[in-house]
């Protein structure tokens, strides 16, 4: 039975549709490159293993929406029920303090002198 032809990095990258540099780095990191002199090749059967090694792990949802079930030890966060009262109180105080900063009855318009 004939052995399958070894693939160059360029051929393997084209077959997988990935950049050559990225494929070579992953293959080197996992010991799948075959070096004969200056030639660097990949075995065609190793391509499926390279793909499986590059699969990302499934990530948890950023916000579970479950309040009261947060575990501070694990590093996971949850969305707590917001309390708007402090913000509403601060906004009301700012509105009251800036209502009338200038009394219109006291104010006078003073013309500025112009030099001609």
PDB file of N, CA and C in Angstrom:
ATOM      1  N   UNK A   1       0.848  -1.179   0.000  1.00  0.00           N
ATOM      2  CA  UNK A   1       0.000   0.000   0.000  1.00  0.00           C
ATOM      3  C   UNK A   1       0.892   1.240   0.000  1.00  0.00           C
ATOM      4  N   UNK A   2       0.678   2.170  -0.931  1.00  0.00           N
ATOM      5  CA  UNK A   2       1.545   3.352  -1.000  1.00  0.00           C
ATOM      6  C   UNK A   2       1.239   4.332   0.134  1.00  0.00           C
ATOM      7  N   UNK A   3       2.291   4.975   0.626  1.00  0.00           N
ATOM      8  CA  UNK A   3       2.152   5.996   1.664  1.00  0.00           C
ATOM      9  C   UNK A   3       1.593   7.273   1.039  1.00  0.00           C
ATOM     10  N   UNK A   4       0.743   8.009   1.752  1.00  0.00           N
ATOM     11  CA  UNK A   4       0.258   9.281   1.213  1.00  0.00           C
ATOM     12  C   UNK A   4       1.406  10.288   1.134  1.00  0.00           C
ATOM     13  N   UNK A   5       1.337  11.146   0.161  1.00  0.00           N
ATOM     14  CA  UNK A   5       2.366  12.179  -0.026  1.00  0.00           C
ATOM     15  C   UNK A   5       2.295  13.177   1.129  1.00  0.00           C
ATOM     16  N   UNK A   6       3.446  13.562   1.623  1.00  0.00           N
ATOM     17  CA  UNK A   6       3.494  14.603   2.643  1.00  0.00           C
ATOM     18  C   UNK A   6       3.136  15.934   2.000  1.00  0.00           C
ATOM     19  N   UNK A   7       2.499  16.789   2.771  1.00  0.00           N
ATOM     20  CA  UNK A   7       2.073  18.094   2.271  1.00  0.00           C
ATOM     21  C   UNK A   7       3.018  19.183   2.740  1.00  0.00           C
ATOM     22  N   UNK A   8       3.266  20.146   1.860  1.00  0.00           N
ATOM     23  CA  UNK A   8       3.998  21.330   2.306  1.00  0.00           C
ATOM     24  C   UNK A   8       3.063  22.144   3.191  1.00  0.00           C
ATOM     25  N   UNK A   9       3.629  23.057   3.934  1.00  0.00           N
ATOM     26  CA  UNK A   9       2.811  23.924   4.782  1.00  0.00           C
ATOM     27  C   UNK A   9       1.829  24.709   3.910  1.00  0.00           C
ATOM     28  N   UNK A  10       2.286  25.171   2.763  1.00  0.00           N
ATOM     29  CA  UNK A  10       1.431  25.950   1.862  1.00  0.00           C
ATOM     30  C   UNK A  10       0.267  25.102   1.358  1.00  0.00           C
ATOM     31  N   UNK A  11       0.521  23.860   0.964  1.00  0.00           N
ATOM     32  CA  UNK A  11      -0.542  22.988   0.485  1.00  0.00           C
ATOM     33  C   UNK A  11      -1.555  22.692   1.596  1.00  0.00           C
ATOM     34  N   UNK A  12      -1.043  22.402   2.789  1.00  0.00           N
ATOM     35  CA  UNK A  12      -1.937  22.101   3.910  1.00  0.00           C
ATOM     36  C   UNK A  12      -2.759  23.324   4.303  1.00  0.00           C
ATOM     37  N   UNK A  13      -2.125  24.498   4.294  1.00  0.00           N
ATOM     38  CA  UNK A  13      -2.842  25.729   4.643  1.00  0.00           C
ATOM     39  C   UNK A  13      -3.929  26.022   3.617  1.00  0.00           C
ATOM     40  N   UNK A  14      -3.632  25.798   2.339  1.00  0.00           N
ATOM     41  CA  UNK A  14      -4.626  26.009   1.291  1.00  0.00           C
ATOM     42  C   UNK A  14      -5.778  25.027   1.456  1.00  0.00           C
ATOM     43  N   UNK A  15      -5.465  23.783   1.757  1.00  0.00           N
ATOM     44  CA  UNK A  15      -6.494  22.756   1.942  1.00  0.00           C
ATOM     45  C   UNK A  15      -7.411  23.096   3.116  1.00  0.00           C
ATOM     46  N   UNK A  16      -6.844  23.638   4.197  1.00  0.00           N
ATOM     47  CA  UNK A  16      -7.629  23.985   5.388  1.00  0.00           C
ATOM     48  C   UNK A  16      -8.230  25.384   5.322  1.00  0.00           C
ATOM     49  N   UNK A  17      -7.681  26.220   4.440  1.00  0.00           N
ATOM     50  CA  UNK A  17      -8.176  27.596   4.343  1.00  0.00           C
ATOM     51  C   UNK A  17      -7.727  28.466   5.503  1.00  0.00           C
ATOM     52  N   UNK A  18      -6.493  28.266   5.945  1.00  0.00           N
ATOM     53  CA  UNK A  18      -5.943  29.043   7.059  1.00  0.00           C
ATOM     54  C   UNK A  18      -4.611  29.652   6.638  1.00  0.00           C
ATOM     55  N   UNK A  19      -4.136  30.670   7.358  1.00  0.00           N
ATOM     56  CA  UNK A  19      -2.832  31.246   7.041  1.00  0.00           C
ATOM     57  C   UNK A  19      -1.693  30.249   7.286  1.00  0.00           C
ATOM     58  N   UNK A  20      -0.688  30.294   6.445  1.00  0.00           N
ATOM     59  CA  UNK A  20       0.455  29.384   6.551  1.00  0.00           C
ATOM     60  C   UNK A  20       1.171  29.528   7.895  1.00  0.00           C
ATOM     61  N   UNK A  21       1.397  30.774   8.304  1.00  0.00           N
ATOM     62  CA  UNK A  21       2.129  31.010   9.559  1.00  0.00           C
ATOM     63  C   UNK A  21       1.395  30.376  10.739  1.00  0.00           C
ATOM     64  N   UNK A  22       0.069  30.551  10.794  1.00  0.00           N
ATOM     65  CA  UNK A  22      -0.713  30.010  11.909  1.00  0.00           C
ATOM     66  C   UNK A  22      -0.663  28.487  11.927  1.00  0.00           C
ATOM     67  N   UNK A  23      -0.795  27.883  10.755  1.00  0.00           N
ATOM     68  CA  UNK A  23      -0.747  26.424  10.683  1.00  0.00           C
ATOM     69  C   UNK A  23       0.618  25.895  11.111  1.00  0.00           C
ATOM     70  N   UNK A  24       1.662  26.537  10.640  1.00  0.00           N
ATOM     71  CA  UNK A  24       3.014  26.083  10.993  1.00  0.00           C
ATOM     72  C   UNK A  24       3.258  26.214  12.493  1.00  0.00           C
ATOM     73  N   UNK A  25       2.793  27.294  13.088  1.00  0.00           N
ATOM     74  CA  UNK A  25       2.982  27.500  14.526  1.00  0.00           C
ATOM     75  C   UNK A  25       2.264  26.417  15.322  1.00  0.00           C
ATOM     76  N   UNK A  26       1.015  26.126  14.973  1.00  0.00           N
ATOM     77  CA  UNK A  26       0.265  25.089  15.691  1.00  0.00           C
ATOM     78  C   UNK A  26       0.922  23.727  15.500  1.00  0.00           C
ATOM     79  N   UNK A  27       1.310  23.420  14.262  1.00  0.00           N
ATOM     80  CA  UNK A  27       1.949  22.128  13.990  1.00  0.00           C
ATOM     81  C   UNK A  27       3.271  21.999  14.750  1.00  0.00           C
ATOM     82  N   UNK A  28       4.049  23.068  14.803  1.00  0.00           N
ATOM     83  CA  UNK A  28       5.305  23.046  15.563  1.00  0.00           C
ATOM     84  C   UNK A  28       5.043  22.868  17.056  1.00  0.00           C
ATOM     85  N   UNK A  29       4.059  23.616  17.580  1.00  0.00           N
ATOM     86  CA  UNK A  29       3.757  23.547  19.010  1.00  0.00           C
ATOM     87  C   UNK A  29       3.341  22.148  19.451  1.00  0.00           C
ATOM     88  N   UNK A  30       2.683  21.402  18.559  1.00  0.00           N
ATOM     89  CA  UNK A  30       2.184  20.076  18.916  1.00  0.00           C
ATOM     90  C   UNK A  30       3.027  18.943  18.339  1.00  0.00           C
ATOM     91  N   UNK A  31       4.188  19.276  17.807  1.00  0.00           N
ATOM     92  CA  UNK A  31       5.122  18.258  17.342  1.00  0.00           C
ATOM     93  C   UNK A  31       4.650  17.478  16.130  1.00  0.00           C
ATOM     94  N   UNK A  32       3.943  18.124  15.225  1.00  0.00           N
ATOM     95  CA  UNK A  32       3.421  17.424  14.051  1.00  0.00           C
ATOM     96  C   UNK A  32       4.167  17.751  12.770  1.00  0.00           C
ATOM     97  N   UNK A  33       5.115  18.642  12.844  1.00  0.00           N
ATOM     98  CA  UNK A  33       5.875  18.958  11.636  1.00  0.00           C
ATOM     99  C   UNK A  33       6.916  17.869  11.397  1.00  0.00           C
ATOM    100  N   UNK A  34       7.112  17.576  10.136  1.00  0.00           N
ATOM    101  CA  UNK A  34       8.128  16.601   9.728  1.00  0.00           C
ATOM    102  C   UNK A  34       9.206  17.395   9.012  1.00  0.00           C
ATOM    103  N   UNK A  35      10.418  17.364   9.554  1.00  0.00           N
ATOM    104  CA  UNK A  35      11.525  18.126   8.980  1.00  0.00           C
ATOM    105  C   UNK A  35      12.531  17.166   8.353  1.00  0.00           C
ATOM    106  N   UNK A  36      12.769  17.390   7.090  1.00  0.00           N
ATOM    107  CA  UNK A  36      13.789  16.640   6.370  1.00  0.00           C
ATOM    108  C   UNK A  36      14.697  17.697   5.743  1.00  0.00           C
ATOM    109  N   UNK A  37      15.813  17.919   6.375  1.00  0.00           N
ATOM    110  CA  UNK A  37      16.686  19.003   5.943  1.00  0.00           C
ATOM    111  C   UNK A  37      15.979  20.326   6.209  1.00  0.00           C
ATOM    112  N   UNK A  38      15.877  21.141   5.168  1.00  0.00           N
ATOM    113  CA  UNK A  38      15.177  22.428   5.308  1.00  0.00           C
ATOM    114  C   UNK A  38      13.704  22.315   4.956  1.00  0.00           C
ATOM    115  N   UNK A  39      13.305  21.169   4.435  1.00  0.00           N
ATOM    116  CA  UNK A  39      11.903  20.972   4.050  1.00  0.00           C
ATOM    117  C   UNK A  39      11.060  20.685   5.290  1.00  0.00           C
ATOM    118  N   UNK A  40       9.927  21.366   5.389  1.00  0.00           N
ATOM    119  CA  UNK A  40       8.993  21.167   6.492  1.00  0.00           C
ATOM    120  C   UNK A  40       7.695  20.666   5.878  1.00  0.00           C
ATOM    121  N   UNK A  41       7.237  19.509   6.331  1.00  0.00           N
ATOM    122  CA  UNK A  41       6.048  18.884   5.761  1.00  0.00           C
ATOM    123  C   UNK A  41       5.087  18.459   6.868  1.00  0.00           C
ATOM    124  N   UNK A  42       3.842  18.214   6.446  1.00  0.00           N
ATOM    125  CA  UNK A  42       2.817  17.690   7.347  1.00  0.00           C
ATOM    126  C   UNK A  42       2.231  16.427   6.731  1.00  0.00           C
ATOM    127  N   UNK A  43       1.908  15.482   7.573  1.00  0.00           N
ATOM    128  CA  UNK A  43       1.245  14.273   7.099  1.00  0.00           C
ATOM    129  C   UNK A  43      -0.238  14.606   6.918  1.00  0.00           C
ATOM    130  N   UNK A  44      -0.857  14.190   5.807  1.00  0.00           N
ATOM    131  CA  UNK A  44      -2.266  14.526   5.566  1.00  0.00           C
ATOM    132  C   UNK A  44      -3.207  14.031   6.660  1.00  0.00           C
ATOM    133  N   UNK A  45      -2.882  12.889   7.275  1.00  0.00           N
ATOM    134  CA  UNK A  45      -3.748  12.367   8.337  1.00  0.00           C
ATOM    135  C   UNK A  45      -3.695  13.218   9.606  1.00  0.00           C
ATOM    136  N   UNK A  46      -2.639  14.027   9.761  1.00  0.00           N
ATOM    137  CA  UNK A  46      -2.510  14.874  10.948  1.00  0.00           C
ATOM    138  C   UNK A  46      -3.382  16.128  10.875  1.00  0.00           C
ATOM    139  N   UNK A  47      -3.893  16.459   9.709  1.00  0.00           N
ATOM    140  CA  UNK A  47      -4.678  17.694   9.571  1.00  0.00           C
ATOM    141  C   UNK A  47      -5.938  17.661  10.423  1.00  0.00           C
ATOM    142  N   UNK A  48      -6.612  16.524  10.482  1.00  0.00           N
ATOM    143  CA  UNK A  48      -7.824  16.457  11.301  1.00  0.00           C
ATOM    144  C   UNK A  48      -7.492  16.603  12.784  1.00  0.00           C
ATOM    145  N   UNK A  49      -6.339  16.078  13.208  1.00  0.00           N
ATOM    146  CA  UNK A  49      -5.942  16.231  14.607  1.00  0.00           C
ATOM    147  C   UNK A  49      -5.578  17.681  14.916  1.00  0.00           C
ATOM    148  N   UNK A  50      -4.940  18.352  13.959  1.00  0.00           N
ATOM    149  CA  UNK A  50      -4.620  19.775  14.140  1.00  0.00           C
ATOM    150  C   UNK A  50      -5.898  20.580  14.299  1.00  0.00           C
ATOM    151  N   UNK A  51      -6.900  20.270  13.507  1.00  0.00           N
ATOM    152  CA  UNK A  51      -8.181  20.979  13.609  1.00  0.00           C
ATOM    153  C   UNK A  51      -8.798  20.753  14.979  1.00  0.00           C
ATOM    154  N   UNK A  52      -8.785  19.512  15.458  1.00  0.00           N
ATOM    155  CA  UNK A  52      -9.390  19.228  16.766  1.00  0.00           C
ATOM    156  C   UNK A  52      -8.617  19.906  17.897  1.00  0.00           C
ATOM    157  N   UNK A  53      -7.298  20.045  17.751  1.00  0.00           N
ATOM    158  CA  UNK A  53      -6.507  20.726  18.775  1.00  0.00           C
ATOM    159  C   UNK A  53      -6.805  22.220  18.835  1.00  0.00           C
ATOM    160  N   UNK A  54      -7.246  22.770  17.719  1.00  0.00           N
ATOM    161  CA  UNK A  54      -7.487  24.212  17.652  1.00  0.00           C
ATOM    162  C   UNK A  54      -8.910  24.598  18.022  1.00  0.00           C
ATOM    163  N   UNK A  55      -9.760  23.632  18.274  1.00  0.00           N
ATOM    164  CA  UNK A  55     -11.137  23.967  18.655  1.00  0.00           C
ATOM    165  C   UNK A  55     -11.127  24.702  19.984  1.00  0.00           C
ATOM    166  N   UNK A  56     -11.879  25.796  20.032  1.00  0.00           N
ATOM    167  CA  UNK A  56     -11.980  26.563  21.264  1.00  0.00           C
ATOM    168  C   UNK A  56     -12.951  25.899  22.215  1.00  0.00           C
ATOM    169  N   UNK A  57     -12.718  26.101  23.499  1.00  0.00           N
ATOM    170  CA  UNK A  57     -13.637  25.571  24.493  1.00  0.00           C
ATOM    171  C   UNK A  57     -14.895  26.418  24.513  1.00  0.00           C
ATOM    172  N   UNK A  58     -15.993  25.780  24.818  1.00  0.00           N
ATOM    173  CA  UNK A  58     -17.262  26.492  24.897  1.00  0.00           C
ATOM    174  C   UNK A  58     -17.211  27.427  26.096  1.00  0.00           C
ATOM    175  N   UNK A  59     -17.638  28.646  25.881  1.00  0.00           N
ATOM    176  CA  UNK A  59     -17.588  29.648  26.947  1.00  0.00           C
ATOM    177  C   UNK A  59     -18.951  29.759  27.618  1.00  0.00           C
ATOM    178  N   UNK A  60     -18.920  30.083  28.912  1.00  0.00           N
ATOM    179  CA  UNK A  60     -20.153  30.325  29.641  1.00  0.00           C
ATOM    180  C   UNK A  60     -20.730  31.663  29.219  1.00  0.00           C
ATOM    181  N   UNK A  61     -22.031  31.790  29.388  1.00  0.00           N
ATOM    182  CA  UNK A  61     -22.671  33.066  29.087  1.00  0.00           C
ATOM    183  C   UNK A  61     -22.145  34.125  30.042  1.00  0.00           C
ATOM    184  N   UNK A  62     -22.019  35.335  29.560  1.00  0.00           N
ATOM    185  CA  UNK A  62     -21.477  36.417  30.376  1.00  0.00           C
ATOM    186  C   UNK A  62     -22.419  36.774  31.514  1.00  0.00           C
ATOM    187  N   UNK A  63     -23.715  36.730  31.269  1.00  0.00           N
ATOM    188  CA  UNK A  63     -24.688  37.080  32.288  1.00  0.00           C
ATOM    189  C   UNK A  63     -25.760  36.018  32.313  1.00  0.00           C
ATOM    190  N   UNK A  64     -25.944  35.396  33.463  1.00  0.00           N
ATOM    191  CA  UNK A  64     -26.933  34.333  33.566  1.00  0.00           C
ATOM    192  C   UNK A  64     -28.317  34.867  33.856  1.00  0.00           C
ATOM    193  N   UNK A  65     -28.392  36.084  34.383  1.00  0.00           N
ATOM    194  CA  UNK A  65     -29.690  36.659  34.722  1.00  0.00           C
ATOM    195  C   UNK A  65     -30.244  36.113  36.025  1.00  0.00           C
ATOM    196  N   UNK A  66     -29.533  35.233  36.669  1.00  0.00           N
ATOM    197  CA  UNK A  66     -29.995  34.638  37.914  1.00  0.00           C
ATOM    198  C   UNK A  66     -29.399  35.409  39.078  1.00  0.00           C
ATOM    199  N   UNK A  67     -30.263  36.158  39.792  1.00  0.00           N
ATOM    200  CA  UNK A  67     -29.753  36.895  40.946  1.00  0.00           C
ATOM    201  C   UNK A  67     -29.829  36.005  42.171  1.00  0.00           C
ATOM    202  N   UNK A  68     -28.901  36.206  43.080  1.00  0.00           N
ATOM    203  CA  UNK A  68     -28.885  35.421  44.301  1.00  0.00           C
ATOM    204  C   UNK A  68     -28.139  34.110  44.161  1.00  0.00           C
ATOM    205  N   UNK A  69     -27.712  33.748  42.961  1.00  0.00           N
ATOM    206  CA  UNK A  69     -26.991  32.499  42.772  1.00  0.00           C
ATOM    207  C   UNK A  69     -25.533  32.753  42.428  1.00  0.00           C
ATOM    208  N   UNK A  70     -25.047  33.918  42.757  1.00  0.00           N
ATOM    209  CA  UNK A  70     -23.666  34.248  42.420  1.00  0.00           C
ATOM    210  C   UNK A  70     -22.727  33.541  43.382  1.00  0.00           C
ATOM    211  N   UNK A  71     -21.654  33.018  42.839  1.00  0.00           N
ATOM    212  CA  UNK A  71     -20.637  32.339  43.626  1.00  0.00           C
ATOM    213  C   UNK A  71     -19.356  33.151  43.505  1.00  0.00           C
ATOM    214  N   UNK A  72     -19.034  33.910  44.519  1.00  0.00           N
ATOM    215  CA  UNK A  72     -17.862  34.790  44.477  1.00  0.00           C
ATOM    216  C   UNK A  72     -16.561  33.995  44.371  1.00  0.00           C
ATOM    217  N   UNK A  73     -16.551  32.760  44.862  1.00  0.00           N
ATOM    218  CA  UNK A  73     -15.341  31.946  44.834  1.00  0.00           C
ATOM    219  C   UNK A  73     -14.961  31.536  43.425  1.00  0.00           C
ATOM    220  N   UNK A  74     -15.959  31.286  42.565  1.00  0.00           N
ATOM    221  CA  UNK A  74     -15.670  30.738  41.239  1.00  0.00           C
ATOM    222  C   UNK A  74     -15.243  31.789  40.237  1.00  0.00           C
ATOM    223  N   UNK A  75     -15.497  33.049  40.516  1.00  0.00           N
ATOM    224  CA  UNK A  75     -15.115  34.095  39.577  1.00  0.00           C
ATOM    225  C   UNK A  75     -16.192  34.393  38.559  1.00  0.00           C
ATOM    226  N   UNK A  76     -17.311  33.693  38.623  1.00  0.00           N
ATOM    227  CA  UNK A  76     -18.412  33.964  37.708  1.00  0.00           C
ATOM    228  C   UNK A  76     -19.258  35.088  38.283  1.00  0.00           C
ATOM    229  N   UNK A  77     -19.805  35.896  37.414  1.00  0.00           N
ATOM    230  CA  UNK A  77     -20.631  36.991  37.887  1.00  0.00           C
ATOM    231  C   UNK A  77     -22.055  36.791  37.407  1.00  0.00           C
ATOM    232  N   UNK A  78     -22.959  37.402  38.076  1.00  0.00           N
ATOM    233  CA  UNK A  78     -24.362  37.379  37.688  1.00  0.00           C
ATOM    234  C   UNK A  78     -24.868  38.807  37.636  1.00  0.00           C
ATOM    235  N   UNK A  79     -26.047  39.004  37.139  1.00  0.00           N
ATOM    236  CA  UNK A  79     -26.622  40.341  37.061  1.00  0.00           C
ATOM    237  C   UNK A  79     -27.525  40.526  38.264  1.00  0.00           C
ATOM    238  N   UNK A  80     -27.200  41.494  39.105  1.00  0.00           N
ATOM    239  CA  UNK A  80     -28.001  41.765  40.289  1.00  0.00           C
ATOM    240  C   UNK A  80     -29.132  42.714  39.933  1.00  0.00           C
ATOM    241  N   UNK A  81     -30.192  42.712  40.742  1.00  0.00           N
ATOM    242  CA  UNK A  81     -31.298  43.623  40.530  1.00  0.00           C
ATOM    243  C   UNK A  81     -30.815  45.028  40.846  1.00  0.00           C
ATOM    244  N   UNK A  82     -30.945  45.964  39.894  1.00  0.00           N
ATOM    245  CA  UNK A  82     -30.414  47.309  40.120  1.00  0.00           C
ATOM    246  C   UNK A  82     -31.264  48.094  41.102  1.00  0.00           C
ATOM    247  N   UNK A  83     -30.622  48.950  41.890  1.00  0.00           N
ATOM    248  CA  UNK A  83     -31.310  49.836  42.812  1.00  0.00           C
ATOM    249  C   UNK A  83     -31.068  51.255  42.322  1.00  0.00           C
ATOM    250  N   UNK A  84     -32.110  51.877  41.789  1.00  0.00           N
ATOM    251  CA  UNK A  84     -31.979  53.198  41.183  1.00  0.00           C
ATOM    252  C   UNK A  84     -32.133  54.338  42.190  1.00  0.00           C
ATOM    253  N   UNK A  85     -32.525  54.044  43.422  1.00  0.00           N
ATOM    254  CA  UNK A  85     -32.803  55.119  44.380  1.00  0.00           C
ATOM    255  C   UNK A  85     -31.622  56.051  44.628  1.00  0.00           C
ATOM    256  N   UNK A  86     -30.409  55.577  44.844  1.00  0.00           N
ATOM    257  CA  UNK A  86     -29.306  56.527  45.062  1.00  0.00           C
ATOM    258  C   UNK A  86     -29.097  57.457  43.865  1.00  0.00           C
ATOM    259  N   UNK A  87     -29.228  56.939  42.661  1.00  0.00           N
ATOM    260  CA  UNK A  87     -29.046  57.772  41.473  1.00  0.00           C
ATOM    261  C   UNK A  87     -30.180  58.781  41.351  1.00  0.00           C
ATOM    262  N   UNK A  88     -31.403  58.353  41.660  1.00  0.00           N
ATOM    263  CA  UNK A  88     -32.539  59.276  41.586  1.00  0.00           C
ATOM    264  C   UNK A  88     -32.416  60.374  42.636  1.00  0.00           C
ATOM    265  N   UNK A  89     -31.952  60.033  43.815  1.00  0.00           N
ATOM    266  CA  UNK A  89     -31.781  61.031  44.878  1.00  0.00           C
ATOM    267  C   UNK A  89     -30.714  62.047  44.480  1.00  0.00           C
ATOM    268  N   UNK A  90     -29.606  61.592  43.943  1.00  0.00           N
ATOM    269  CA  UNK A  90     -28.534  62.496  43.519  1.00  0.00           C
ATOM    270  C   UNK A  90     -29.008  63.399  42.390  1.00  0.00           C
ATOM    271  N   UNK A  91     -29.771  62.874  41.456  1.00  0.00           N
ATOM    272  CA  UNK A  91     -30.278  63.691  40.349  1.00  0.00           C
ATOM    273  C   UNK A  91     -31.238  64.755  40.861  1.00  0.00           C
ATOM    274  N   UNK A  92     -32.089  64.400  41.809  1.00  0.00           N
ATOM    275  CA  UNK A  92     -33.039  65.371  42.373  1.00  0.00           C
ATOM    276  C   UNK A  92     -32.297  66.495  43.095  1.00  0.00           C
ATOM    277  N   UNK A  93     -31.248  66.158  43.843  1.00  0.00           N
ATOM    278  CA  UNK A  93     -30.476  67.191  44.548  1.00  0.00           C
ATOM    279  C   UNK A  93     -29.799  68.128  43.556  1.00  0.00           C
ATOM    280  N   UNK A  94     -29.266  67.598  42.476  1.00  0.00           N
ATOM    281  CA  UNK A  94     -28.624  68.449  41.476  1.00  0.00           C
ATOM    282  C   UNK A  94     -29.630  69.372  40.802  1.00  0.00           C
ATOM    283  N   UNK A  95     -30.815  68.871  40.534  1.00  0.00           N
ATOM    284  CA  UNK A  95     -31.842  69.715  39.915  1.00  0.00           C
ATOM    285  C   UNK A  95     -32.248  70.849  40.847  1.00  0.00           C
ATOM    286  N   UNK A  96     -32.427  70.537  42.151  1.00  0.00           N
ATOM    287  CA  UNK A  96     -32.828  71.572  43.104  1.00  0.00           C
ATOM    288  C   UNK A  96     -31.756  72.644  43.246  1.00  0.00           C
ATOM    289  N   UNK A  97     -30.493  72.229  43.268  1.00  0.00           N
ATOM    290  CA  UNK A  97     -29.427  73.204  43.508  1.00  0.00           C
ATOM    291  C   UNK A  97     -29.163  74.068  42.280  1.00  0.00           C
ATOM    292  N   UNK A  98     -29.584  73.662  41.115  1.00  0.00           N
ATOM    293  CA  UNK A  98     -29.313  74.461  39.928  1.00  0.00           C
ATOM    294  C   UNK A  98     -30.551  75.103  39.326  1.00  0.00           C
ATOM    295  N   UNK A  99     -31.684  75.087  40.064  1.00  0.00           N
ATOM    296  CA  UNK A  99     -32.921  75.660  39.518  1.00  0.00           C
ATOM    297  C   UNK A  99     -32.773  77.144  39.214  1.00  0.00           C
ATOM    298  N   UNK A 100     -32.463  77.890  40.229  1.00  0.00           N
ATOM    299  CA  UNK A 100     -32.388  79.340  40.034  1.00  0.00           C
ATOM    300  C   UNK A 100     -31.045  79.824  40.552  1.00  0.00           C
ATOM    301  N   UNK A 101     -30.075  79.777  39.728  1.00  0.00           N
ATOM    302  CA  UNK A 101     -28.765  80.253  40.149  1.00  0.00           C
ATOM    303  C   UNK A 101     -28.671  81.759  40.005  1.00  0.00           C
ATOM    304  N   UNK A 102     -29.577  82.339  39.229  1.00  0.00           N
ATOM    305  CA  UNK A 102     -29.559  83.784  39.018  1.00  0.00           C
ATOM    306  C   UNK A 102     -30.981  84.300  39.102  1.00  0.00           C
ATOM    307  N   UNK A 103     -31.227  85.218  40.018  1.00  0.00           N
ATOM    308  CA  UNK A 103     -32.552  85.810  40.167  1.00  0.00           C
ATOM    309  C   UNK A 103     -32.695  86.907  39.117  1.00  0.00           C
ATOM    310  N   UNK A 104     -33.693  86.815  38.278  1.00  0.00           N
ATOM    311  CA  UNK A 104     -33.871  87.749  37.161  1.00  0.00           C
ATOM    312  C   UNK A 104     -34.184  89.163  37.643  1.00  0.00           C
ATOM    313  N   UNK A 105     -34.802  89.342  38.849  1.00  0.00           N
ATOM    314  CA  UNK A 105     -35.156  90.668  39.356  1.00  0.00           C
ATOM    315  C   UNK A 105     -33.923  91.444  39.809  1.00  0.00           C
ATOM    316  N   UNK A 106     -32.887  90.742  40.235  1.00  0.00           N
ATOM    317  CA  UNK A 106     -31.700  91.404  40.740  1.00  0.00           C
ATOM    318  C   UNK A 106     -30.715  91.708  39.611  1.00  0.00           C
ATOM    319  N   UNK A 107     -30.704  90.910  38.637  1.00  0.00           N
ATOM    320  CA  UNK A 107     -29.688  91.027  37.591  1.00  0.00           C
ATOM    321  C   UNK A 107     -29.903  92.276  36.738  1.00  0.00           C
ATOM    322  N   UNK A 108     -28.791  92.863  36.359  1.00  0.00           N
ATOM    323  CA  UNK A 108     -28.831  94.041  35.494  1.00  0.00           C
ATOM    324  C   UNK A 108     -27.877  93.798  34.330  1.00  0.00           C
ATOM    325  N   UNK A 109     -28.249  94.330  33.191  1.00  0.00           N
ATOM    326  CA  UNK A 109     -27.383  94.236  32.036  1.00  0.00           C
ATOM    327  C   UNK A 109     -26.495  95.462  32.056  1.00  0.00           C
ATOM    328  N   UNK A 110     -25.198  95.264  32.041  1.00  0.00           N
ATOM    329  CA  UNK A 110     -24.256  96.368  32.089  1.00  0.00           C
ATOM    330  C   UNK A 110     -23.604  96.460  30.712  1.00  0.00           C
ATOM    331  N   UNK A 111     -23.786  97.602  30.020  1.00  0.00           N
ATOM    332  CA  UNK A 111     -23.161  97.735  28.706  1.00  0.00           C
ATOM    333  C   UNK A 111     -21.652  97.909  28.872  1.00  0.00           C
ATOM    334  N   UNK A 112     -20.915  97.282  27.999  1.00  0.00           N
ATOM    335  CA  UNK A 112     -19.465  97.430  28.009  1.00  0.00           C
ATOM    336  C   UNK A 112     -19.081  98.606  27.141  1.00  0.00           C
ATOM    337  N   UNK A 113     -18.144  99.369  27.625  1.00  0.00           N
ATOM    338  CA  UNK A 113     -17.714 100.527  26.851  1.00  0.00           C
ATOM    339  C   UNK A 113     -16.876 100.112  25.660  1.00  0.00           C
ATOM    340  N   UNK A 114     -17.130 100.755  24.519  1.00  0.00           N
ATOM    341  CA  UNK A 114     -16.373 100.456  23.313  1.00  0.00           C
ATOM    342  C   UNK A 114     -15.504 101.657  22.972  1.00  0.00           C
ATOM    343  N   UNK A 115     -14.327 101.359  22.545  1.00  0.00           N
ATOM    344  CA  UNK A 115     -13.466 102.428  22.075  1.00  0.00           C
ATOM    345  C   UNK A 115     -13.671 102.559  20.576  1.00  0.00           C
ATOM    346  N   UNK A 116     -13.881 103.740  20.138  1.00  0.00           N
ATOM    347  CA  UNK A 116     -14.073 103.974  18.701  1.00  0.00           C
ATOM    348  C   UNK A 116     -12.983 104.786  18.110  1.00  0.00           C
TER     349      UNK A 116
END
